[in-house]
Amino acid sequence: MADAAACAGRVARLRKLMEERGYDAVILRNNPDLRWLTGAERVFDDEVAHTAFITADGQWLHTDSRYANTFRERLGADTPWQIDEQIVQPAAWAAERVAQARSRVVAVEDTCDLAFYDAFLQEMNAASAACLTPRLHADICDLRMVKDAEEVELMRHAQSITDAAFEHICGFIKPGLTEQQIRVELENFMFNNGADSLAFGSIIAAGPNGANPHAQPGEYVVKKGDMIVMDYGAGYHDYRSDMTRTVCVGEPTDEQRHVYDVVRQAHEACAAAAKPGCIGSDIQDLAVKVISDAGYGDYFKHGLGHGVGIEIHENPNFGRRWHRPVPEGSVVTIEPGIYLPGKFGVRLEDFGLMTADGFKPFTQSSHDLVCIPC
């Protein structure tokens, strides 16, 4: 059942934002935002089937018969949400709610599909109701940056499953297995040990495939001497973990060891520098400097890290374009890498909480290079 106090706090933060912006009401359809506000876990899927209408003193949720009973079970009898599953188009329902609440300034998420937005405007015009509809989404993304205690605990638990999976897969890997076979074993372990979803599609990239940061697992056969980049995470009650470790099958060459050590130095320098209030792009620049000073600046071109929560990529981030402070209470990744085309790649990623004392990783797996006996 949803943590009522946590969810009430989230809605209160949204209502404070509404007051500051002069909104009488907001209409939300983005599933991650709805999950965050309602606390209804393991309800939302890939369909955009729900609409929330929130005012200063009321909160309604429109859904359909496929989900209504699950929402009631998850939210409990004392929920402030009024669940409505009447058979009506979401846009018409939203317009009816606006009319009943006599709302004049209504913000609509700019992530909603155009079909919904156009239908909503038509319904409002047909009712001859004056209604300004500013766009709303970036504001909620910012609200979601700072995690509450429930969110932190869910991600910490998801990472414990992810760490256990790393220990397991290191005992499973051997020459002759394909990337896909390793992926299946890794993901099955997570599902068998508490995960209820995957954080994202797991990356298992061996040998030269490791030089492609988002390589998809395939039929490549692991060989002695390969580096294997494994980027994956468990999902738990709709929250996600994210971790990358690079292992070597057998003993590494001097070059492989050196590249790994440079990536580790970049990671640990950035983790030490990441403190609440730091500018995300500054931490990115630090990673680039460490890697460039070692002569590999042309081989690290992606962002250093990103926020994690209900979605695998959230605000804030450690990237070239994030020129804002990273707030205390946000959950972020740090994941520098070096990618040598045709040879191998190395990435090292932890994710954790920005506390008053700095970055505190949820990840417990060692930064030491693991060498798989063979």
Protein backbone atom coordinates (compact mmCIF):
# COMPACT_ATOMS: atom_id res chain seq x y z
CA MET A 1 0.00 0.00 0.00
CA ALA A 2 1.19 3.51 -0.76
CA ASP A 3 2.95 5.47 1.98
CA ALA A 4 0.18 8.00 2.66
CA ALA A 5 2.43 10.52 4.40
CA ALA A 6 5.03 10.46 1.64
CA CYS A 7 2.40 10.90 -1.06
CA ALA A 8 0.68 13.69 0.83
CA GLY A 9 4.02 15.48 0.99
CA ARG A 10 4.47 15.15 -2.77
CA VAL A 11 1.01 16.52 -3.50
CA ALA A 12 1.64 19.38 -1.05
CA ARG A 13 4.82 20.28 -2.95
CA LEU A 14 2.86 20.31 -6.21
CA ARG A 15 0.16 22.51 -4.70
CA LYS A 16 2.79 24.96 -3.47
CA LEU A 17 4.10 25.13 -7.03
CA MET A 18 0.55 25.67 -8.33
CA GLU A 19 0.09 28.56 -5.94
CA GLU A 20 3.40 30.12 -7.00
CA ARG A 21 2.50 29.81 -10.69
CA GLY A 22 -1.10 30.93 -10.29
CA TYR A 23 -2.64 27.65 -11.45
CA ASP A 24 -6.14 26.81 -10.26
CA ALA A 25 -5.71 23.20 -11.36
CA VAL A 26 -3.36 20.84 -13.15
CA ILE A 27 -4.05 17.94 -15.51
CA LEU A 28 -1.49 15.13 -15.52
CA ARG A 29 -1.20 12.07 -17.79
CA ASN A 30 2.49 11.15 -17.61
CA ASN A 31 2.68 7.74 -15.89
CA PRO A 32 5.91 8.38 -13.93
CA ASP A 33 4.46 11.63 -12.53
CA LEU A 34 1.25 9.83 -11.59
CA ARG A 35 3.22 7.04 -9.91
CA TRP A 36 5.15 9.63 -7.92
CA LEU A 37 2.08 11.54 -6.79
CA THR A 38 -0.26 8.63 -6.05
CA GLY A 39 2.28 6.14 -4.69
CA ALA A 40 0.30 3.39 -6.44
CA GLU A 41 3.00 0.82 -7.10
CA ARG A 42 3.03 -1.77 -9.89
CA VAL A 43 -0.09 -0.37 -11.55
CA PHE A 44 1.32 1.62 -14.44
CA ASP A 45 2.33 -0.07 -17.66
CA ASP A 46 3.13 1.19 -21.17
CA GLU A 47 -0.38 2.50 -21.82
CA VAL A 48 -1.32 6.12 -21.20
CA ALA A 49 -4.62 5.21 -19.60
CA HIS A 50 -4.94 7.57 -16.63
CA THR A 51 -5.63 11.26 -16.06
CA ALA A 52 -5.28 13.19 -12.82
CA PHE A 53 -7.01 16.48 -12.02
CA ILE A 54 -5.68 18.34 -8.99
CA THR A 55 -6.88 21.57 -7.39
CA ALA A 56 -5.95 23.30 -4.16
CA ASP A 57 -8.40 21.12 -2.22
CA GLY A 58 -9.24 18.11 -4.37
CA GLN A 59 -7.58 15.33 -6.35
CA TRP A 60 -9.28 13.06 -8.86
CA LEU A 61 -7.97 10.15 -10.91
CA HIS A 62 -9.66 8.94 -14.08
CA THR A 63 -8.87 5.38 -15.19
CA ASP A 64 -10.74 2.39 -16.59
CA SER A 65 -11.89 -1.02 -15.45
CA ARG A 66 -8.54 -2.66 -16.24
CA TYR A 67 -6.84 -0.67 -13.48
CA ALA A 68 -9.51 0.72 -11.15
CA ASN A 69 -9.61 -2.13 -8.66
CA THR A 70 -5.82 -2.30 -8.49
CA PHE A 71 -5.68 1.42 -7.76
CA ARG A 72 -8.20 0.99 -4.95
CA GLU A 73 -6.17 -1.85 -3.46
CA ARG A 74 -2.91 0.06 -3.70
CA LEU A 75 -4.23 3.38 -2.40
CA GLY A 76 -6.37 2.06 0.45
CA ALA A 77 -9.75 3.09 1.79
CA ASP A 78 -8.56 6.38 3.28
CA THR A 79 -6.97 7.74 0.12
CA PRO A 80 -7.71 11.37 -0.77
CA TRP A 81 -7.84 10.37 -4.43
CA GLN A 82 -11.32 10.12 -5.91
CA ILE A 83 -11.13 7.32 -8.45
CA ASP A 84 -13.44 7.62 -11.43
CA GLU A 85 -13.79 4.83 -13.98
CA GLN A 86 -16.87 6.03 -15.82
CA ILE A 87 -16.78 5.23 -19.54
CA VAL A 88 -15.92 8.63 -21.00
CA GLN A 89 -13.05 10.01 -23.06
CA PRO A 90 -10.24 11.38 -20.83
CA ALA A 91 -10.35 14.81 -22.52
CA ALA A 92 -14.10 15.12 -21.95
CA TRP A 93 -13.67 14.00 -18.36
CA ALA A 94 -10.93 16.59 -17.78
CA ALA A 95 -13.06 19.36 -19.28
CA GLU A 96 -15.98 18.34 -17.06
CA ARG A 97 -13.74 18.50 -14.01
CA VAL A 98 -12.56 21.99 -15.01
CA ALA A 99 -16.17 23.16 -15.33
CA GLN A 100 -17.23 21.65 -12.02
CA ALA A 101 -14.24 23.14 -10.19
CA ARG A 102 -14.76 26.48 -11.99
CA SER A 103 -11.03 26.57 -12.67
CA ARG A 104 -9.82 29.47 -14.80
CA VAL A 105 -6.10 28.75 -15.16
CA VAL A 106 -5.37 25.07 -15.77
CA ALA A 107 -1.89 23.72 -16.49
CA VAL A 108 -1.59 20.66 -18.73
CA GLU A 109 1.55 18.54 -18.94
CA ASP A 110 3.41 19.20 -22.15
CA THR A 111 4.19 15.48 -22.41
CA CYS A 112 0.53 14.69 -23.16
CA ASP A 113 -0.24 13.54 -26.69
CA LEU A 114 -1.61 16.07 -29.15
CA ALA A 115 -4.80 14.06 -29.63
CA PHE A 116 -5.65 14.48 -25.94
CA TYR A 117 -4.67 18.15 -25.88
CA ASP A 118 -6.62 19.05 -29.01
CA ALA A 119 -9.68 17.14 -27.80
CA PHE A 120 -9.45 18.88 -24.41
CA LEU A 121 -9.35 22.32 -26.04
CA GLN A 122 -12.31 21.44 -28.24
CA GLU A 123 -14.30 20.33 -25.20
CA MET A 124 -13.44 23.57 -23.43
CA ASN A 125 -14.41 25.68 -26.45
CA ALA A 126 -17.70 23.80 -26.78
CA ALA A 127 -18.46 24.62 -23.17
CA SER A 128 -17.59 28.30 -23.79
CA ALA A 129 -15.33 28.17 -20.78
CA ALA A 130 -12.39 30.58 -20.59
CA CYS A 131 -9.36 28.53 -19.66
CA LEU A 132 -5.68 29.30 -19.98
CA THR A 133 -3.57 26.17 -20.38
CA PRO A 134 0.11 26.78 -19.70
CA ARG A 135 2.44 23.86 -20.20
CA LEU A 136 3.58 21.90 -17.19
CA HIS A 137 6.24 19.23 -17.02
CA ALA A 138 9.69 20.63 -16.35
CA ASP A 139 8.38 21.90 -13.01
CA ILE A 140 7.33 18.41 -11.95
CA CYS A 141 10.66 17.00 -13.14
CA ASP A 142 12.32 19.45 -10.77
CA LEU A 143 9.99 18.49 -7.92
CA ARG A 144 10.88 14.85 -8.48
CA MET A 145 14.63 15.55 -8.28
CA VAL A 146 14.65 15.55 -4.48
CA LYS A 147 13.79 12.08 -3.19
CA ASP A 148 11.96 11.35 0.05
CA ALA A 149 12.90 8.57 2.47
CA GLU A 150 10.57 6.02 0.86
CA GLU A 151 12.06 6.58 -2.58
CA VAL A 152 15.60 6.30 -1.25
CA GLU A 153 14.86 3.03 0.49
CA LEU A 154 13.27 1.50 -2.62
CA MET A 155 16.32 2.38 -4.72
CA ARG A 156 18.71 1.18 -2.05
CA HIS A 157 16.90 -2.17 -2.05
CA ALA A 158 16.93 -2.36 -5.86
CA GLN A 159 20.68 -1.82 -5.78
CA SER A 160 21.20 -4.59 -3.23
CA ILE A 161 19.67 -6.99 -5.78
CA THR A 162 21.89 -5.51 -8.49
CA ASP A 163 25.04 -5.95 -6.38
CA ALA A 164 24.15 -9.56 -5.62
CA ALA A 165 23.64 -10.17 -9.34
CA PHE A 166 27.15 -8.91 -10.07
CA GLU A 167 28.70 -11.34 -7.61
CA HIS A 168 26.65 -14.14 -9.13
CA ILE A 169 27.46 -13.34 -12.76
CA CYS A 170 31.19 -13.16 -12.08
CA GLY A 171 30.99 -16.82 -11.04
CA PHE A 172 29.00 -17.70 -14.17
CA ILE A 173 31.02 -16.03 -16.94
CA LYS A 174 33.46 -18.20 -18.88
CA PRO A 175 34.83 -18.34 -22.41
CA GLY A 176 32.41 -19.82 -24.91
CA LEU A 177 29.28 -18.10 -23.60
CA THR A 178 27.52 -15.52 -25.74
CA GLU A 179 26.64 -12.03 -24.54
CA GLN A 180 22.99 -13.04 -24.73
CA GLN A 181 23.53 -16.09 -22.51
CA ILE A 182 25.21 -13.91 -19.90
CA ARG A 183 22.36 -11.43 -20.10
CA VAL A 184 19.72 -14.12 -19.56
CA GLU A 185 21.56 -15.49 -16.52
CA LEU A 186 22.02 -12.03 -15.04
CA GLU A 187 18.40 -11.00 -15.49
CA ASN A 188 17.01 -14.33 -14.28
CA PHE A 189 19.08 -13.99 -11.12
CA MET A 190 17.63 -10.56 -10.43
CA PHE A 191 14.06 -11.77 -10.97
CA ASN A 192 14.68 -14.79 -8.76
CA ASN A 193 16.11 -12.61 -6.00
CA GLY A 194 13.50 -9.90 -5.52
CA ALA A 195 13.40 -7.75 -8.65
CA ASP A 196 9.92 -7.26 -10.09
CA SER A 197 11.17 -5.59 -13.30
CA LEU A 198 14.35 -4.57 -15.06
CA ALA A 199 15.57 -1.00 -14.68
CA PHE A 200 16.24 -0.98 -18.44
CA GLY A 201 17.45 -3.33 -21.15
CA SER A 202 20.69 -4.82 -19.84
CA ILE A 203 23.92 -4.11 -21.72
CA ILE A 204 26.40 -6.96 -21.97
CA ALA A 205 29.16 -5.90 -24.36
CA ALA A 206 32.24 -8.10 -24.73
CA GLY A 207 35.50 -7.58 -26.56
CA PRO A 208 35.25 -4.94 -29.32
CA ASN A 209 31.52 -4.51 -28.64
CA GLY A 210 32.48 -2.86 -25.35
CA ALA A 211 33.67 0.15 -27.33
CA ASN A 212 30.01 0.92 -28.12
CA PRO A 213 28.53 2.50 -24.95
CA HIS A 214 24.97 1.30 -25.63
CA ALA A 215 25.77 -1.98 -27.36
CA GLN A 216 22.96 -4.54 -27.40
CA PRO A 217 23.76 -8.12 -26.30
CA GLY A 218 24.06 -10.51 -29.21
CA GLU A 219 25.72 -13.70 -30.39
CA TYR A 220 29.29 -12.57 -29.79
CA VAL A 221 31.17 -15.43 -28.10
CA VAL A 222 33.27 -14.43 -25.11
CA LYS A 223 36.96 -15.21 -25.44
CA LYS A 224 39.88 -15.30 -23.04
CA GLY A 225 41.33 -11.81 -22.82
CA ASP A 226 38.01 -10.00 -23.45
CA MET A 227 36.87 -7.10 -21.34
CA ILE A 228 33.10 -7.25 -20.72
CA VAL A 229 31.09 -4.10 -19.97
CA MET A 230 27.92 -4.91 -17.99
CA ASP A 231 25.46 -2.04 -17.49
CA TYR A 232 22.21 -3.15 -15.85
CA GLY A 233 19.87 -2.69 -12.92
CA ALA A 234 16.95 -4.15 -11.01
CA GLY A 235 13.52 -2.59 -10.75
CA TYR A 236 11.74 -2.74 -7.40
CA HIS A 237 8.24 -1.35 -6.79
CA ASP A 238 8.67 0.93 -9.84
CA TYR A 239 12.03 2.37 -8.72
CA ARG A 240 15.28 1.58 -10.45
CA SER A 241 18.95 0.93 -9.87
CA ASP A 242 21.79 1.51 -12.31
CA MET A 243 25.30 0.08 -12.20
CA THR A 244 28.10 -0.68 -14.61
CA ARG A 245 31.06 -2.93 -13.99
CA THR A 246 33.73 -4.01 -16.46
CA VAL A 247 35.44 -7.36 -15.91
CA CYS A 248 38.27 -9.12 -17.71
CA VAL A 249 38.14 -12.76 -18.79
CA GLY A 250 41.54 -13.93 -17.69
CA GLU A 251 44.40 -11.58 -16.94
CA PRO A 252 44.28 -8.11 -18.50
CA THR A 253 46.94 -6.72 -20.78
CA ASP A 254 48.95 -3.74 -19.62
CA GLU A 255 46.79 -1.51 -21.82
CA GLN A 256 43.53 -2.90 -20.43
CA ARG A 257 44.76 -2.48 -16.87
CA HIS A 258 45.92 1.09 -17.56
CA VAL A 259 42.63 2.14 -19.18
CA TYR A 260 40.67 0.61 -16.31
CA ASP A 261 42.81 2.51 -13.79
CA VAL A 262 42.23 5.83 -15.61
CA VAL A 263 38.46 5.30 -15.60
CA ARG A 264 38.56 4.42 -11.92
CA GLN A 265 40.57 7.56 -11.15
CA ALA A 266 38.05 9.69 -13.05
CA HIS A 267 35.13 8.06 -11.23
CA GLU A 268 36.61 8.47 -7.78
CA ALA A 269 37.72 12.06 -8.40
CA CYS A 270 34.20 12.99 -9.50
CA ALA A 271 32.57 11.14 -6.60
CA ALA A 272 34.77 13.10 -4.18
CA ALA A 273 33.92 16.41 -5.86
CA ALA A 274 30.16 15.82 -6.10
CA LYS A 275 28.50 17.75 -3.29
CA PRO A 276 25.10 19.44 -2.99
CA GLY A 277 25.15 22.70 -4.87
CA CYS A 278 27.86 21.66 -7.29
CA ILE A 279 27.21 22.50 -10.95
CA GLY A 280 26.59 19.37 -12.98
CA SER A 281 28.67 20.48 -15.95
CA ASP A 282 31.63 21.17 -13.65
CA ILE A 283 31.69 17.52 -12.52
CA GLN A 284 31.46 16.43 -16.16
CA ASP A 285 34.42 18.71 -16.95
CA LEU A 286 36.43 17.11 -14.15
CA ALA A 287 35.92 13.64 -15.62
CA VAL A 288 36.92 14.91 -19.05
CA LYS A 289 40.07 16.47 -17.59
CA VAL A 290 41.21 13.31 -15.81
CA ILE A 291 40.63 11.18 -18.89
CA SER A 292 42.13 13.77 -21.28
CA ASP A 293 45.23 14.21 -19.13
CA ALA A 294 45.80 10.46 -19.50
CA GLY A 295 45.60 10.77 -23.29
CA TYR A 296 42.11 9.34 -23.84
CA GLY A 297 40.04 12.49 -24.23
CA ASP A 298 38.81 11.48 -27.68
CA TYR A 299 37.36 8.26 -26.28
CA PHE A 300 34.94 9.62 -23.68
CA LYS A 301 32.10 11.61 -25.19
CA HIS A 302 28.90 10.77 -23.29
CA GLY A 303 27.53 12.45 -20.20
CA LEU A 304 29.09 11.56 -16.88
CA GLY A 305 25.84 10.79 -15.07
CA HIS A 306 22.12 11.32 -14.65
CA GLY A 307 19.35 11.27 -12.11
CA VAL A 308 17.55 8.00 -11.30
CA GLY A 309 14.17 7.30 -9.75
CA ILE A 310 10.91 6.05 -11.20
CA GLU A 311 12.58 6.63 -14.57
CA ILE A 312 16.10 5.54 -15.41
CA HIS A 313 16.94 9.03 -16.69
CA GLU A 314 15.72 11.89 -14.53
CA ASN A 315 16.97 15.30 -13.47
CA PRO A 316 19.53 16.42 -12.46
CA ASN A 317 22.58 15.25 -14.37
CA PHE A 318 26.31 15.57 -14.65
CA GLY A 319 26.48 16.69 -18.26
CA ARG A 320 27.74 19.46 -20.49
CA ARG A 321 24.37 21.22 -20.56
CA TRP A 322 23.43 21.01 -16.87
CA HIS A 323 24.58 24.39 -15.59
CA ARG A 324 22.40 24.31 -12.49
CA PRO A 325 23.23 23.21 -8.95
CA VAL A 326 22.69 19.55 -8.14
CA PRO A 327 20.44 19.53 -5.06
CA GLU A 328 20.84 17.66 -1.82
CA GLY A 329 18.49 14.68 -1.80
CA SER A 330 18.85 13.91 -5.49
CA VAL A 331 19.94 10.46 -6.66
CA VAL A 332 22.52 10.45 -9.45
CA THR A 333 24.94 8.19 -11.30
CA ILE A 334 28.64 8.70 -11.91
CA GLU A 335 29.76 6.67 -14.94
CA PRO A 336 32.91 7.70 -16.82
CA GLY A 337 34.21 5.47 -19.56
CA ILE A 338 36.86 4.99 -22.24
CA TYR A 339 35.94 3.30 -25.51
CA LEU A 340 38.64 2.17 -27.96
CA PRO A 341 37.02 1.21 -31.29
CA GLY A 342 37.87 -2.28 -32.48
CA LYS A 343 39.51 -3.16 -29.17
CA PHE A 344 37.53 -2.83 -25.92
CA GLY A 345 35.70 -0.45 -23.63
CA VAL A 346 35.67 0.27 -19.90
CA ARG A 347 32.93 1.95 -17.87
CA LEU A 348 32.58 2.15 -14.08
CA GLU A 349 29.26 3.32 -12.64
CA ASP A 350 27.80 3.76 -9.19
CA PHE A 351 24.59 5.51 -8.27
CA GLY A 352 23.71 7.07 -4.97
CA LEU A 353 22.38 9.93 -2.88
CA MET A 354 23.61 13.50 -2.73
CA THR A 355 23.81 14.11 1.01
CA ALA A 356 25.01 17.08 3.03
CA ASP A 357 28.34 15.25 3.28
CA GLY A 358 28.60 14.55 -0.44
CA PHE A 359 27.85 11.68 -2.81
CA LYS A 360 27.02 8.46 -0.94
CA PRO A 361 26.71 5.48 -3.29
CA PHE A 362 24.05 2.83 -2.89
CA THR A 363 26.36 0.60 -4.93
CA GLN A 364 28.45 -1.73 -2.79
CA SER A 365 30.35 -3.68 -5.46
CA SER A 366 34.10 -3.07 -5.43
CA HIS A 367 35.88 -0.74 -7.83
CA ASP A 368 38.70 -3.26 -8.18
CA LEU A 369 39.02 -4.88 -11.59
CA VAL A 370 37.52 -8.37 -11.41
CA CYS A 371 39.45 -10.95 -13.44
CA ILE A 372 37.43 -14.05 -14.33
CA PRO A 373 39.51 -17.23 -13.90
CA CYS A 374 39.75 -19.33 -17.05
